[in-house]
Amino acid sequence: MSTKEKKTDSKFSQLFLDELKDIYWAEKHLVKALPAMAKGATSKKLVKAIENHLEETKEHVSRLEEVFSLLGKKPEAKKCDAMEGLIEEAKSILEDTDSDTMVRDAGIIIASQKVEHYEIASYGSLVALAQVMGQSEAEKILSQTLKEEKKADSDLTKLAESEINEEAAVE
């Protein structure tokens, strides 16, 4: 068996497909969860960051559907236990903190960055798998989303460090 055949064998391709289904479920559920996080935020900058990421997340769903199409597969979601847990954790932060406080905003940023880190790990892995499989168009699409997830994480860090955390600390 050639190296190329080993790289695209059915088990490897199935791993890629399973991970694609996982992140597809995750992104679709984030589209539903992000509005509540935006509604719970106090800082106008944080609300704007979440709303911007909501729009990006909708685009991520579309891109994943494009990757499924490139593979000749129908888009299919597979429950992502990790994202379900991260979304539940975010809901808990909203429930356990007082509204209209920077402490809540700091908690929202923490929850959001946990989500971003999960997405960065997922997309980074998918990019690597697509590269090994020789799926250059899928790799390109997934790389764009990975870049956006990293930027969202960086933007949240800047927002936390420039104002939210300091204001939360004095409340």
Protein backbone atom coordinates (compact mmCIF):
# COMPACT_ATOMS: atom_id res chain seq x y z
CA MET A 1 0.00 0.00 0.00
CA SER A 2 1.43 3.37 -0.98
CA THR A 3 1.82 6.20 1.49
CA LYS A 4 -0.98 8.11 -0.20
CA GLU A 5 -3.32 5.11 0.10
CA LYS A 6 -2.55 4.84 3.81
CA LYS A 7 -3.27 8.53 4.28
CA THR A 8 -6.71 8.34 2.71
CA ASP A 9 -7.82 4.91 3.91
CA SER A 10 -11.38 4.63 5.09
CA LYS A 11 -10.57 4.77 8.82
CA PHE A 12 -8.59 7.98 8.43
CA SER A 13 -11.26 9.51 6.18
CA GLN A 14 -13.90 8.45 8.70
CA LEU A 15 -11.98 10.18 11.50
CA PHE A 16 -11.94 13.37 9.44
CA LEU A 17 -15.66 13.05 8.70
CA ASP A 18 -16.52 12.36 12.35
CA GLU A 19 -14.56 15.43 13.48
CA LEU A 20 -16.27 17.48 10.79
CA LYS A 21 -19.69 16.33 12.06
CA ASP A 22 -18.65 17.19 15.62
CA ILE A 23 -17.63 20.77 14.85
CA TYR A 24 -20.70 21.20 12.63
CA TRP A 25 -22.91 20.36 15.62
CA ALA A 26 -20.83 22.69 17.79
CA GLU A 27 -21.08 25.65 15.42
CA LYS A 28 -24.81 25.19 14.89
CA HIS A 29 -25.39 25.19 18.65
CA LEU A 30 -23.19 28.24 19.11
CA VAL A 31 -25.45 30.12 16.70
CA LYS A 32 -28.24 29.44 19.19
CA ALA A 33 -26.19 30.19 22.34
CA LEU A 34 -24.36 33.39 21.39
CA PRO A 35 -27.42 35.69 21.44
CA ALA A 36 -27.99 34.90 25.14
CA MET A 37 -24.37 35.72 25.89
CA ALA A 38 -24.64 39.03 24.03
CA LYS A 39 -27.88 39.82 25.86
CA GLY A 40 -26.22 39.09 29.21
CA ALA A 41 -23.19 41.30 28.59
CA THR A 42 -22.90 44.83 29.94
CA SER A 43 -19.97 46.22 27.96
CA LYS A 44 -21.00 47.56 24.57
CA LYS A 45 -17.64 46.38 23.20
CA LEU A 46 -18.27 42.86 24.48
CA VAL A 47 -21.79 42.83 23.04
CA LYS A 48 -20.37 43.95 19.69
CA ALA A 49 -17.62 41.29 19.81
CA ILE A 50 -20.18 38.55 20.50
CA GLU A 51 -22.54 39.81 17.80
CA ASN A 52 -19.66 39.91 15.30
CA HIS A 53 -18.68 36.39 16.24
CA LEU A 54 -22.28 35.25 15.84
CA GLU A 55 -22.18 36.42 12.22
CA GLU A 56 -18.82 34.68 11.72
CA THR A 57 -20.21 31.51 13.29
CA LYS A 58 -23.08 31.49 10.81
CA GLU A 59 -20.46 31.72 8.06
CA HIS A 60 -18.52 28.87 9.68
CA VAL A 61 -21.63 26.68 9.45
CA SER A 62 -21.89 27.52 5.74
CA ARG A 63 -18.21 26.75 5.19
CA LEU A 64 -18.57 23.39 6.91
CA GLU A 65 -21.49 22.62 4.62
CA GLU A 66 -19.19 23.47 1.70
CA VAL A 67 -16.55 21.04 3.02
CA PHE A 68 -19.17 18.29 3.32
CA SER A 69 -20.12 19.01 -0.29
CA LEU A 70 -16.48 18.80 -1.42
CA LEU A 71 -16.36 15.34 0.18
CA GLY A 72 -19.55 14.33 -1.59
CA LYS A 73 -21.36 14.06 1.74
CA LYS A 74 -24.57 15.52 3.06
CA PRO A 75 -23.97 17.87 6.03
CA GLU A 76 -24.58 15.91 9.19
CA ALA A 77 -24.14 16.89 12.81
CA LYS A 78 -22.86 14.55 15.48
CA LYS A 79 -23.49 15.67 19.04
CA CYS A 80 -20.44 17.38 20.46
CA ASP A 81 -20.34 16.64 24.18
CA ALA A 82 -17.48 19.08 24.72
CA MET A 83 -19.33 22.03 23.18
CA GLU A 84 -22.52 21.08 24.98
CA GLY A 85 -20.59 21.27 28.24
CA LEU A 86 -18.97 24.59 27.35
CA ILE A 87 -22.36 26.09 26.46
CA GLU A 88 -23.84 24.83 29.73
CA GLU A 89 -20.92 26.37 31.60
CA ALA A 90 -21.59 29.71 29.89
CA LYS A 91 -25.26 29.49 30.89
CA SER A 92 -24.20 28.87 34.49
CA ILE A 93 -22.04 31.99 34.46
CA LEU A 94 -25.03 34.03 33.27
CA GLU A 95 -27.22 32.50 36.00
CA ASP A 96 -24.66 32.76 38.80
CA THR A 97 -23.56 36.37 38.29
CA ASP A 98 -25.45 39.59 38.80
CA SER A 99 -26.66 41.25 35.64
CA ASP A 100 -25.18 44.58 34.59
CA THR A 101 -21.79 43.89 36.17
CA MET A 102 -18.32 43.72 34.76
CA VAL A 103 -17.82 40.54 36.80
CA ARG A 104 -20.43 38.89 34.58
CA ASP A 105 -18.66 40.30 31.52
CA ALA A 106 -15.35 38.85 32.73
CA GLY A 107 -17.11 35.49 33.15
CA ILE A 108 -18.61 35.74 29.66
CA ILE A 109 -15.16 36.37 28.24
CA ILE A 110 -13.77 33.35 30.10
CA ALA A 111 -16.59 31.14 28.81
CA SER A 112 -16.16 32.53 25.30
CA GLN A 113 -12.43 31.89 25.29
CA LYS A 114 -12.95 28.31 26.43
CA VAL A 115 -15.22 27.89 23.40
CA GLU A 116 -12.66 29.56 21.13
CA HIS A 117 -9.87 27.31 22.38
CA TYR A 118 -11.98 24.23 21.69
CA GLU A 119 -12.73 25.52 18.20
CA ILE A 120 -9.07 26.35 17.56
CA ALA A 121 -8.09 22.81 18.54
CA SER A 122 -10.84 21.32 16.37
CA TYR A 123 -10.13 23.39 13.28
CA GLY A 124 -6.37 23.01 13.68
CA SER A 125 -6.81 19.24 13.71
CA LEU A 126 -9.18 19.29 10.74
CA VAL A 127 -6.72 21.40 8.73
CA ALA A 128 -3.95 18.90 9.49
CA LEU A 129 -6.12 15.93 8.53
CA ALA A 130 -7.29 17.61 5.31
CA GLN A 131 -3.67 18.33 4.40
CA VAL A 132 -2.64 14.69 4.89
CA MET A 133 -5.63 13.54 2.85
CA GLY A 134 -4.71 15.86 -0.01
CA GLN A 135 -8.00 17.75 0.38
CA SER A 136 -6.47 21.14 -0.44
CA GLU A 137 -9.76 22.98 -1.00
CA ALA A 138 -11.16 21.71 2.33
CA GLU A 139 -7.86 22.62 3.98
CA LYS A 140 -8.11 26.17 2.60
CA ILE A 141 -11.71 26.60 3.81
CA LEU A 142 -10.97 25.19 7.27
CA SER A 143 -7.81 27.31 7.55
CA GLN A 144 -9.84 30.48 6.99
CA THR A 145 -12.14 29.54 9.85
CA LEU A 146 -9.18 28.65 12.06
CA LYS A 147 -7.70 32.10 11.40
CA GLU A 148 -10.99 33.75 12.41
CA GLU A 149 -11.26 31.68 15.60
CA LYS A 150 -7.74 32.71 16.59
CA LYS A 151 -8.57 36.36 15.92
CA ALA A 152 -11.76 36.13 18.01
CA ASP A 153 -9.73 34.68 20.88
CA SER A 154 -7.13 37.43 20.56
CA ASP A 155 -9.82 40.13 20.45
CA LEU A 156 -11.41 38.75 23.62
CA THR A 157 -8.04 38.76 25.37
CA LYS A 158 -7.45 42.40 24.39
CA LEU A 159 -10.91 43.39 25.60
CA ALA A 160 -10.44 41.60 28.92
CA GLU A 161 -6.97 43.07 29.50
CA SER A 162 -7.78 46.60 28.33
CA GLU A 163 -10.88 47.21 30.42
CA ILE A 164 -13.20 44.40 31.53
CA ASN A 165 -10.94 42.66 34.06
CA GLU A 166 -9.81 45.91 35.72
CA GLU A 167 -13.36 47.17 36.05
CA ALA A 168 -14.56 43.80 37.34
CA ALA A 169 -11.83 43.72 39.97
CA VAL A 170 -13.03 46.96 41.57
CA GLU A 171 -16.71 46.01 41.71
